[in-house]
Amino acid sequence: MSATFHTSIWTRDELLSLRSLWKAAYKAAATGKSYTIEGRSLTRQNLNEIRAQLSYIQDELDALSGRGGPHIVVARPRR
């Protein structure tokens, strides 16, 4: 059994910068305000999308730090 390892196209600093932007968007949208990232306005209706972006960014950070990804567990059933 072989595991595939995920490598990120992002640097850690880029991901941390993106995470800050998306967290600010989440805070604004959660309080009923709008927030703009790269010319795109995000509102309360976009909370699920914002959460998905934050999750993606965290997954990428985990990949860079060696956490996350598939874990192989070898188990032997008892007889």
PDB file of N, CA and C in Angstrom:
ATOM      1  N   MET A   1       0.847  -1.162   0.000  1.00  0.00           N
ATOM      2  CA  MET A   1       0.000   0.000   0.000  1.00  0.00           C
ATOM      3  C   MET A   1       0.898   1.231   0.000  1.00  0.00           C
ATOM      4  N   SER A   2       0.658   2.162  -0.903  1.00  0.00           N
ATOM      5  CA  SER A   2       1.470   3.367  -0.928  1.00  0.00           C
ATOM      6  C   SER A   2       0.585   4.584  -0.702  1.00  0.00           C
ATOM      7  N   ALA A   3       1.128   5.560  -0.044  1.00  0.00           N
ATOM      8  CA  ALA A   3       0.398   6.794   0.230  1.00  0.00           C
ATOM      9  C   ALA A   3       0.915   7.880  -0.700  1.00  0.00           C
ATOM     10  N   THR A   4       0.030   8.728  -1.155  1.00  0.00           N
ATOM     11  CA  THR A   4       0.447   9.866  -1.951  1.00  0.00           C
ATOM     12  C   THR A   4       0.563  11.068  -1.027  1.00  0.00           C
ATOM     13  N   PHE A   5       1.534  11.889  -1.292  1.00  0.00           N
ATOM     14  CA  PHE A   5       1.759  13.050  -0.451  1.00  0.00           C
ATOM     15  C   PHE A   5       1.379  14.305  -1.210  1.00  0.00           C
ATOM     16  N   HIS A   6       0.689  15.176  -0.527  1.00  0.00           N
ATOM     17  CA  HIS A   6       0.196  16.417  -1.103  1.00  0.00           C
ATOM     18  C   HIS A   6       1.250  17.501  -0.940  1.00  0.00           C
ATOM     19  N   THR A   7       1.576  18.179  -2.007  1.00  0.00           N
ATOM     20  CA  THR A   7       2.441  19.342  -1.907  1.00  0.00           C
ATOM     21  C   THR A   7       1.633  20.560  -2.296  1.00  0.00           C
ATOM     22  N   SER A   8       1.882  21.645  -1.647  1.00  0.00           N
ATOM     23  CA  SER A   8       1.120  22.861  -1.874  1.00  0.00           C
ATOM     24  C   SER A   8       1.779  23.724  -2.939  1.00  0.00           C
ATOM     25  N   ILE A   9       0.970  24.461  -3.675  1.00  0.00           N
ATOM     26  CA  ILE A   9       1.490  25.427  -4.641  1.00  0.00           C
ATOM     27  C   ILE A   9       1.761  26.766  -3.968  1.00  0.00           C
ATOM     28  N   TRP A  10       1.409  26.867  -2.695  1.00  0.00           N
ATOM     29  CA  TRP A  10       1.525  28.106  -1.930  1.00  0.00           C
ATOM     30  C   TRP A  10       2.720  28.048  -0.993  1.00  0.00           C
ATOM     31  N   THR A  11       3.242  29.225  -0.666  1.00  0.00           N
ATOM     32  CA  THR A  11       4.218  29.299   0.415  1.00  0.00           C
ATOM     33  C   THR A  11       3.442  29.494   1.711  1.00  0.00           C
ATOM     34  N   ARG A  12       4.101  29.247   2.825  1.00  0.00           N
ATOM     35  CA  ARG A  12       3.449  29.437   4.128  1.00  0.00           C
ATOM     36  C   ARG A  12       3.018  30.896   4.310  1.00  0.00           C
ATOM     37  N   ASP A  13       3.878  31.836   3.929  1.00  0.00           N
ATOM     38  CA  ASP A  13       3.542  33.255   4.076  1.00  0.00           C
ATOM     39  C   ASP A  13       2.341  33.644   3.218  1.00  0.00           C
ATOM     40  N   GLU A  14       2.271  33.116   2.001  1.00  0.00           N
ATOM     41  CA  GLU A  14       1.116  33.396   1.143  1.00  0.00           C
ATOM     42  C   GLU A  14      -0.167  32.877   1.776  1.00  0.00           C
ATOM     43  N   LEU A  15      -0.108  31.664   2.303  1.00  0.00           N
ATOM     44  CA  LEU A  15      -1.291  31.073   2.926  1.00  0.00           C
ATOM     45  C   LEU A  15      -1.721  31.844   4.165  1.00  0.00           C
ATOM     46  N   LEU A  16      -0.770  32.282   4.965  1.00  0.00           N
ATOM     47  CA  LEU A  16      -1.116  33.060   6.157  1.00  0.00           C
ATOM     48  C   LEU A  16      -1.745  34.395   5.775  1.00  0.00           C
ATOM     49  N   SER A  17      -1.252  35.004   4.707  1.00  0.00           N
ATOM     50  CA  SER A  17      -1.831  36.254   4.213  1.00  0.00           C
ATOM     51  C   SER A  17      -3.261  36.033   3.710  1.00  0.00           C
ATOM     52  N   LEU A  18      -3.445  34.961   2.933  1.00  0.00           N
ATOM     53  CA  LEU A  18      -4.787  34.621   2.447  1.00  0.00           C
ATOM     54  C   LEU A  18      -5.735  34.329   3.598  1.00  0.00           C
ATOM     55  N   ARG A  19      -5.251  33.597   4.585  1.00  0.00           N
ATOM     56  CA  ARG A  19      -6.094  33.259   5.725  1.00  0.00           C
ATOM     57  C   ARG A  19      -6.557  34.523   6.445  1.00  0.00           C
ATOM     58  N   SER A  20      -5.684  35.500   6.577  1.00  0.00           N
ATOM     59  CA  SER A  20      -6.064  36.766   7.213  1.00  0.00           C
ATOM     60  C   SER A  20      -7.168  37.467   6.433  1.00  0.00           C
ATOM     61  N   LEU A  21      -7.043  37.481   5.108  1.00  0.00           N
ATOM     62  CA  LEU A  21      -8.075  38.104   4.273  1.00  0.00           C
ATOM     63  C   LEU A  21      -9.421  37.406   4.425  1.00  0.00           C
ATOM     64  N   TRP A  22      -9.409  36.077   4.358  1.00  0.00           N
ATOM     65  CA  TRP A  22     -10.659  35.327   4.436  1.00  0.00           C
ATOM     66  C   TRP A  22     -11.267  35.375   5.832  1.00  0.00           C
ATOM     67  N   LYS A  23     -10.434  35.463   6.864  1.00  0.00           N
ATOM     68  CA  LYS A  23     -10.966  35.602   8.219  1.00  0.00           C
ATOM     69  C   LYS A  23     -11.646  36.959   8.385  1.00  0.00           C
ATOM     70  N   ALA A  24     -11.060  37.998   7.820  1.00  0.00           N
ATOM     71  CA  ALA A  24     -11.681  39.324   7.868  1.00  0.00           C
ATOM     72  C   ALA A  24     -13.002  39.318   7.109  1.00  0.00           C
ATOM     73  N   ALA A  25     -13.036  38.622   5.971  1.00  0.00           N
ATOM     74  CA  ALA A  25     -14.279  38.508   5.200  1.00  0.00           C
ATOM     75  C   ALA A  25     -15.339  37.780   6.011  1.00  0.00           C
ATOM     76  N   TYR A  26     -14.944  36.733   6.713  1.00  0.00           N
ATOM     77  CA  TYR A  26     -15.884  35.965   7.530  1.00  0.00           C
ATOM     78  C   TYR A  26     -16.459  36.830   8.643  1.00  0.00           C
ATOM     79  N   LYS A  27     -15.592  37.564   9.330  1.00  0.00           N
ATOM     80  CA  LYS A  27     -16.055  38.429  10.419  1.00  0.00           C
ATOM     81  C   LYS A  27     -17.022  39.489   9.911  1.00  0.00           C
ATOM     82  N   ALA A  28     -16.714  40.095   8.774  1.00  0.00           N
ATOM     83  CA  ALA A  28     -17.594  41.119   8.208  1.00  0.00           C
ATOM     84  C   ALA A  28     -18.928  40.518   7.788  1.00  0.00           C
ATOM     85  N   ALA A  29     -18.881  39.396   7.085  1.00  0.00           N
ATOM     86  CA  ALA A  29     -20.116  38.769   6.602  1.00  0.00           C
ATOM     87  C   ALA A  29     -20.972  38.280   7.759  1.00  0.00           C
ATOM     88  N   ALA A  30     -20.350  37.786   8.812  1.00  0.00           N
ATOM     89  CA  ALA A  30     -21.098  37.270   9.959  1.00  0.00           C
ATOM     90  C   ALA A  30     -21.851  38.378  10.685  1.00  0.00           C
ATOM     91  N   THR A  31     -21.374  39.605  10.567  1.00  0.00           N
ATOM     92  CA  THR A  31     -22.051  40.726  11.226  1.00  0.00           C
ATOM     93  C   THR A  31     -22.944  41.506  10.266  1.00  0.00           C
ATOM     94  N   GLY A  32     -23.173  40.948   9.080  1.00  0.00           N
ATOM     95  CA  GLY A  32     -24.089  41.569   8.130  1.00  0.00           C
ATOM     96  C   GLY A  32     -23.454  42.587   7.208  1.00  0.00           C
ATOM     97  N   LYS A  33     -22.152  42.758   7.293  1.00  0.00           N
ATOM     98  CA  LYS A  33     -21.462  43.702   6.426  1.00  0.00           C
ATOM     99  C   LYS A  33     -20.940  42.960   5.201  1.00  0.00           C
ATOM    100  N   SER A  34     -20.531  43.720   4.199  1.00  0.00           N
ATOM    101  CA  SER A  34     -19.922  43.082   3.032  1.00  0.00           C
ATOM    102  C   SER A  34     -18.415  43.305   3.096  1.00  0.00           C
ATOM    103  N   TYR A  35     -17.690  42.473   2.376  1.00  0.00           N
ATOM    104  CA  TYR A  35     -16.234  42.542   2.354  1.00  0.00           C
ATOM    105  C   TYR A  35     -15.804  42.236   0.933  1.00  0.00           C
ATOM    106  N   THR A  36     -14.770  42.898   0.463  1.00  0.00           N
ATOM    107  CA  THR A  36     -14.331  42.707  -0.915  1.00  0.00           C
ATOM    108  C   THR A  36     -12.926  42.118  -0.950  1.00  0.00           C
ATOM    109  N   ILE A  37     -12.796  41.023  -1.697  1.00  0.00           N
ATOM    110  CA  ILE A  37     -11.494  40.407  -1.958  1.00  0.00           C
ATOM    111  C   ILE A  37     -11.330  40.339  -3.468  1.00  0.00           C
ATOM    112  N   GLU A  38     -10.262  40.952  -3.966  1.00  0.00           N
ATOM    113  CA  GLU A  38      -9.955  40.959  -5.403  1.00  0.00           C
ATOM    114  C   GLU A  38     -11.160  41.370  -6.238  1.00  0.00           C
ATOM    115  N   GLY A  39     -11.844  42.436  -5.820  1.00  0.00           N
ATOM    116  CA  GLY A  39     -12.968  42.975  -6.574  1.00  0.00           C
ATOM    117  C   GLY A  39     -14.270  42.222  -6.416  1.00  0.00           C
ATOM    118  N   ARG A  40     -14.283  41.197  -5.590  1.00  0.00           N
ATOM    119  CA  ARG A  40     -15.489  40.387  -5.398  1.00  0.00           C
ATOM    120  C   ARG A  40     -16.084  40.676  -4.034  1.00  0.00           C
ATOM    121  N   SER A  41     -17.351  41.074  -4.002  1.00  0.00           N
ATOM    122  CA  SER A  41     -18.014  41.408  -2.747  1.00  0.00           C
ATOM    123  C   SER A  41     -18.630  40.162  -2.122  1.00  0.00           C
ATOM    124  N   LEU A  42     -18.322  39.955  -0.846  1.00  0.00           N
ATOM    125  CA  LEU A  42     -18.829  38.798  -0.109  1.00  0.00           C
ATOM    126  C   LEU A  42     -19.756  39.288   0.994  1.00  0.00           C
ATOM    127  N   THR A  43     -20.877  38.593   1.173  1.00  0.00           N
ATOM    128  CA  THR A  43     -21.858  38.967   2.190  1.00  0.00           C
ATOM    129  C   THR A  43     -22.227  37.736   3.006  1.00  0.00           C
ATOM    130  N   ARG A  44     -23.216  37.904   3.881  1.00  0.00           N
ATOM    131  CA  ARG A  44     -23.661  36.801   4.731  1.00  0.00           C
ATOM    132  C   ARG A  44     -24.036  35.568   3.901  1.00  0.00           C
ATOM    133  N   GLN A  45     -24.557  35.776   2.699  1.00  0.00           N
ATOM    134  CA  GLN A  45     -24.936  34.645   1.851  1.00  0.00           C
ATOM    135  C   GLN A  45     -23.726  33.828   1.409  1.00  0.00           C
ATOM    136  N   ASN A  46     -22.548  34.381   1.540  1.00  0.00           N
ATOM    137  CA  ASN A  46     -21.329  33.691   1.119  1.00  0.00           C
ATOM    138  C   ASN A  46     -20.598  33.002   2.265  1.00  0.00           C
ATOM    139  N   LEU A  47     -21.210  32.896   3.446  1.00  0.00           N
ATOM    140  CA  LEU A  47     -20.515  32.313   4.596  1.00  0.00           C
ATOM    141  C   LEU A  47     -20.031  30.889   4.331  1.00  0.00           C
ATOM    142  N   ASN A  48     -20.834  30.062   3.669  1.00  0.00           N
ATOM    143  CA  ASN A  48     -20.402  28.689   3.375  1.00  0.00           C
ATOM    144  C   ASN A  48     -19.179  28.678   2.463  1.00  0.00           C
ATOM    145  N   GLU A  49     -19.178  29.553   1.482  1.00  0.00           N
ATOM    146  CA  GLU A  49     -18.035  29.646   0.574  1.00  0.00           C
ATOM    147  C   GLU A  49     -16.791  30.137   1.325  1.00  0.00           C
ATOM    148  N   ILE A  50     -16.978  31.097   2.216  1.00  0.00           N
ATOM    149  CA  ILE A  50     -15.857  31.611   2.996  1.00  0.00           C
ATOM    150  C   ILE A  50     -15.300  30.506   3.891  1.00  0.00           C
ATOM    151  N   ARG A  51     -16.187  29.746   4.522  1.00  0.00           N
ATOM    152  CA  ARG A  51     -15.743  28.617   5.362  1.00  0.00           C
ATOM    153  C   ARG A  51     -14.958  27.601   4.530  1.00  0.00           C
ATOM    154  N   ALA A  52     -15.423  27.341   3.313  1.00  0.00           N
ATOM    155  CA  ALA A  52     -14.740  26.389   2.432  1.00  0.00           C
ATOM    156  C   ALA A  52     -13.334  26.891   2.094  1.00  0.00           C
ATOM    157  N   GLN A  53     -13.195  28.181   1.837  1.00  0.00           N
ATOM    158  CA  GLN A  53     -11.878  28.746   1.545  1.00  0.00           C
ATOM    159  C   GLN A  53     -10.951  28.632   2.750  1.00  0.00           C
ATOM    160  N   LEU A  54     -11.485  28.928   3.939  1.00  0.00           N
ATOM    161  CA  LEU A  54     -10.681  28.810   5.159  1.00  0.00           C
ATOM    162  C   LEU A  54     -10.247  27.366   5.395  1.00  0.00           C
ATOM    163  N   SER A  55     -11.133  26.428   5.120  1.00  0.00           N
ATOM    164  CA  SER A  55     -10.807  25.011   5.272  1.00  0.00           C
ATOM    165  C   SER A  55      -9.716  24.601   4.277  1.00  0.00           C
ATOM    166  N   TYR A  56      -9.848  25.064   3.031  1.00  0.00           N
ATOM    167  CA  TYR A  56      -8.846  24.774   2.006  1.00  0.00           C
ATOM    168  C   TYR A  56      -7.476  25.316   2.426  1.00  0.00           C
ATOM    169  N   ILE A  57      -7.467  26.553   2.902  1.00  0.00           N
ATOM    170  CA  ILE A  57      -6.210  27.171   3.318  1.00  0.00           C
ATOM    171  C   ILE A  57      -5.583  26.390   4.469  1.00  0.00           C
ATOM    172  N   GLN A  58      -6.407  25.958   5.425  1.00  0.00           N
ATOM    173  CA  GLN A  58      -5.880  25.176   6.551  1.00  0.00           C
ATOM    174  C   GLN A  58      -5.320  23.842   6.074  1.00  0.00           C
ATOM    175  N   ASP A  59      -6.009  23.203   5.128  1.00  0.00           N
ATOM    176  CA  ASP A  59      -5.506  21.944   4.564  1.00  0.00           C
ATOM    177  C   ASP A  59      -4.141  22.150   3.899  1.00  0.00           C
ATOM    178  N   GLU A  60      -3.999  23.265   3.186  1.00  0.00           N
ATOM    179  CA  GLU A  60      -2.726  23.566   2.532  1.00  0.00           C
ATOM    180  C   GLU A  60      -1.630  23.823   3.566  1.00  0.00           C
ATOM    181  N   LEU A  61      -1.960  24.545   4.633  1.00  0.00           N
ATOM    182  CA  LEU A  61      -0.988  24.774   5.704  1.00  0.00           C
ATOM    183  C   LEU A  61      -0.579  23.455   6.351  1.00  0.00           C
ATOM    184  N   ASP A  62      -1.558  22.582   6.571  1.00  0.00           N
ATOM    185  CA  ASP A  62      -1.259  21.267   7.145  1.00  0.00           C
ATOM    186  C   ASP A  62      -0.337  20.467   6.233  1.00  0.00           C
ATOM    187  N   ALA A  63      -0.566  20.555   4.922  1.00  0.00           N
ATOM    188  CA  ALA A  63       0.272  19.829   3.965  1.00  0.00           C
ATOM    189  C   ALA A  63       1.712  20.340   4.017  1.00  0.00           C
ATOM    190  N   LEU A  64       1.876  21.647   4.152  1.00  0.00           N
ATOM    191  CA  LEU A  64       3.225  22.212   4.222  1.00  0.00           C
ATOM    192  C   LEU A  64       3.956  21.806   5.491  1.00  0.00           C
ATOM    193  N   SER A  65       3.211  21.640   6.568  1.00  0.00           N
ATOM    194  CA  SER A  65       3.845  21.304   7.842  1.00  0.00           C
ATOM    195  C   SER A  65       3.944  19.800   8.066  1.00  0.00           C
ATOM    196  N   GLY A  66       3.468  19.020   7.097  1.00  0.00           N
ATOM    197  CA  GLY A  66       3.561  17.572   7.217  1.00  0.00           C
ATOM    198  C   GLY A  66       2.412  16.938   7.974  1.00  0.00           C
ATOM    199  N   ARG A  67       1.436  17.751   8.378  1.00  0.00           N
ATOM    200  CA  ARG A  67       0.254  17.198   9.051  1.00  0.00           C
ATOM    201  C   ARG A  67      -0.838  17.017   8.008  1.00  0.00           C
ATOM    202  N   GLY A  68      -1.869  16.333   8.391  1.00  0.00           N
ATOM    203  CA  GLY A  68      -2.987  16.120   7.482  1.00  0.00           C
ATOM    204  C   GLY A  68      -2.666  15.033   6.478  1.00  0.00           C
ATOM    205  N   GLY A  69      -3.490  14.923   5.491  1.00  0.00           N
ATOM    206  CA  GLY A  69      -3.284  13.908   4.482  1.00  0.00           C
ATOM    207  C   GLY A  69      -3.675  12.539   4.975  1.00  0.00           C
ATOM    208  N   PRO A  70      -3.451  11.529   4.150  1.00  0.00           N
ATOM    209  CA  PRO A  70      -3.848  10.176   4.547  1.00  0.00           C
ATOM    210  C   PRO A  70      -2.953   9.632   5.652  1.00  0.00           C
ATOM    211  N   HIS A  71      -3.566   8.929   6.556  1.00  0.00           N
ATOM    212  CA  HIS A  71      -2.847   8.248   7.624  1.00  0.00           C
ATOM    213  C   HIS A  71      -3.099   6.759   7.452  1.00  0.00           C
ATOM    214  N   ILE A  72      -2.036   5.984   7.470  1.00  0.00           N
ATOM    215  CA  ILE A  72      -2.168   4.544   7.306  1.00  0.00           C
ATOM    216  C   ILE A  72      -2.099   3.905   8.683  1.00  0.00           C
ATOM    217  N   VAL A  73      -3.119   3.153   8.987  1.00  0.00           N
ATOM    218  CA  VAL A  73      -3.182   2.453  10.264  1.00  0.00           C
ATOM    219  C   VAL A  73      -3.207   0.966   9.963  1.00  0.00           C
ATOM    220  N   VAL A  74      -2.264   0.256  10.529  1.00  0.00           N
ATOM    221  CA  VAL A  74      -2.206  -1.187  10.326  1.00  0.00           C
ATOM    222  C   VAL A  74      -2.865  -1.839  11.529  1.00  0.00           C
ATOM    223  N   ALA A  75      -3.860  -2.656  11.263  1.00  0.00           N
ATOM    224  CA  ALA A  75      -4.578  -3.322  12.352  1.00  0.00           C
ATOM    225  C   ALA A  75      -4.631  -4.814  12.075  1.00  0.00           C
ATOM    226  N   ARG A  76      -4.590  -5.572  13.129  1.00  0.00           N
ATOM    227  CA  ARG A  76      -4.700  -7.013  13.002  1.00  0.00           C
ATOM    228  C   ARG A  76      -5.872  -7.447  13.878  1.00  0.00           C
ATOM    229  N   PRO A  77      -6.889  -8.049  13.281  1.00  0.00           N
ATOM    230  CA  PRO A  77      -8.048  -8.453  14.078  1.00  0.00           C
ATOM    231  C   PRO A  77      -7.681  -9.536  15.094  1.00  0.00           C
ATOM    232  N   ARG A  78      -8.337  -9.486  16.218  1.00  0.00           N
ATOM    233  CA  ARG A  78      -8.117 -10.500  17.255  1.00  0.00           C
ATOM    234  C   ARG A  78      -8.833 -11.778  16.867  1.00  0.00           C
ATOM    235  N   ARG A  79      -8.280 -12.880  17.283  1.00  0.00           N
ATOM    236  CA  ARG A  79      -8.907 -14.170  16.983  1.00  0.00           C
ATOM    237  C   ARG A  79      -9.539 -14.730  18.204  1.00  0.00           C
TER     238      ARG A  79
END
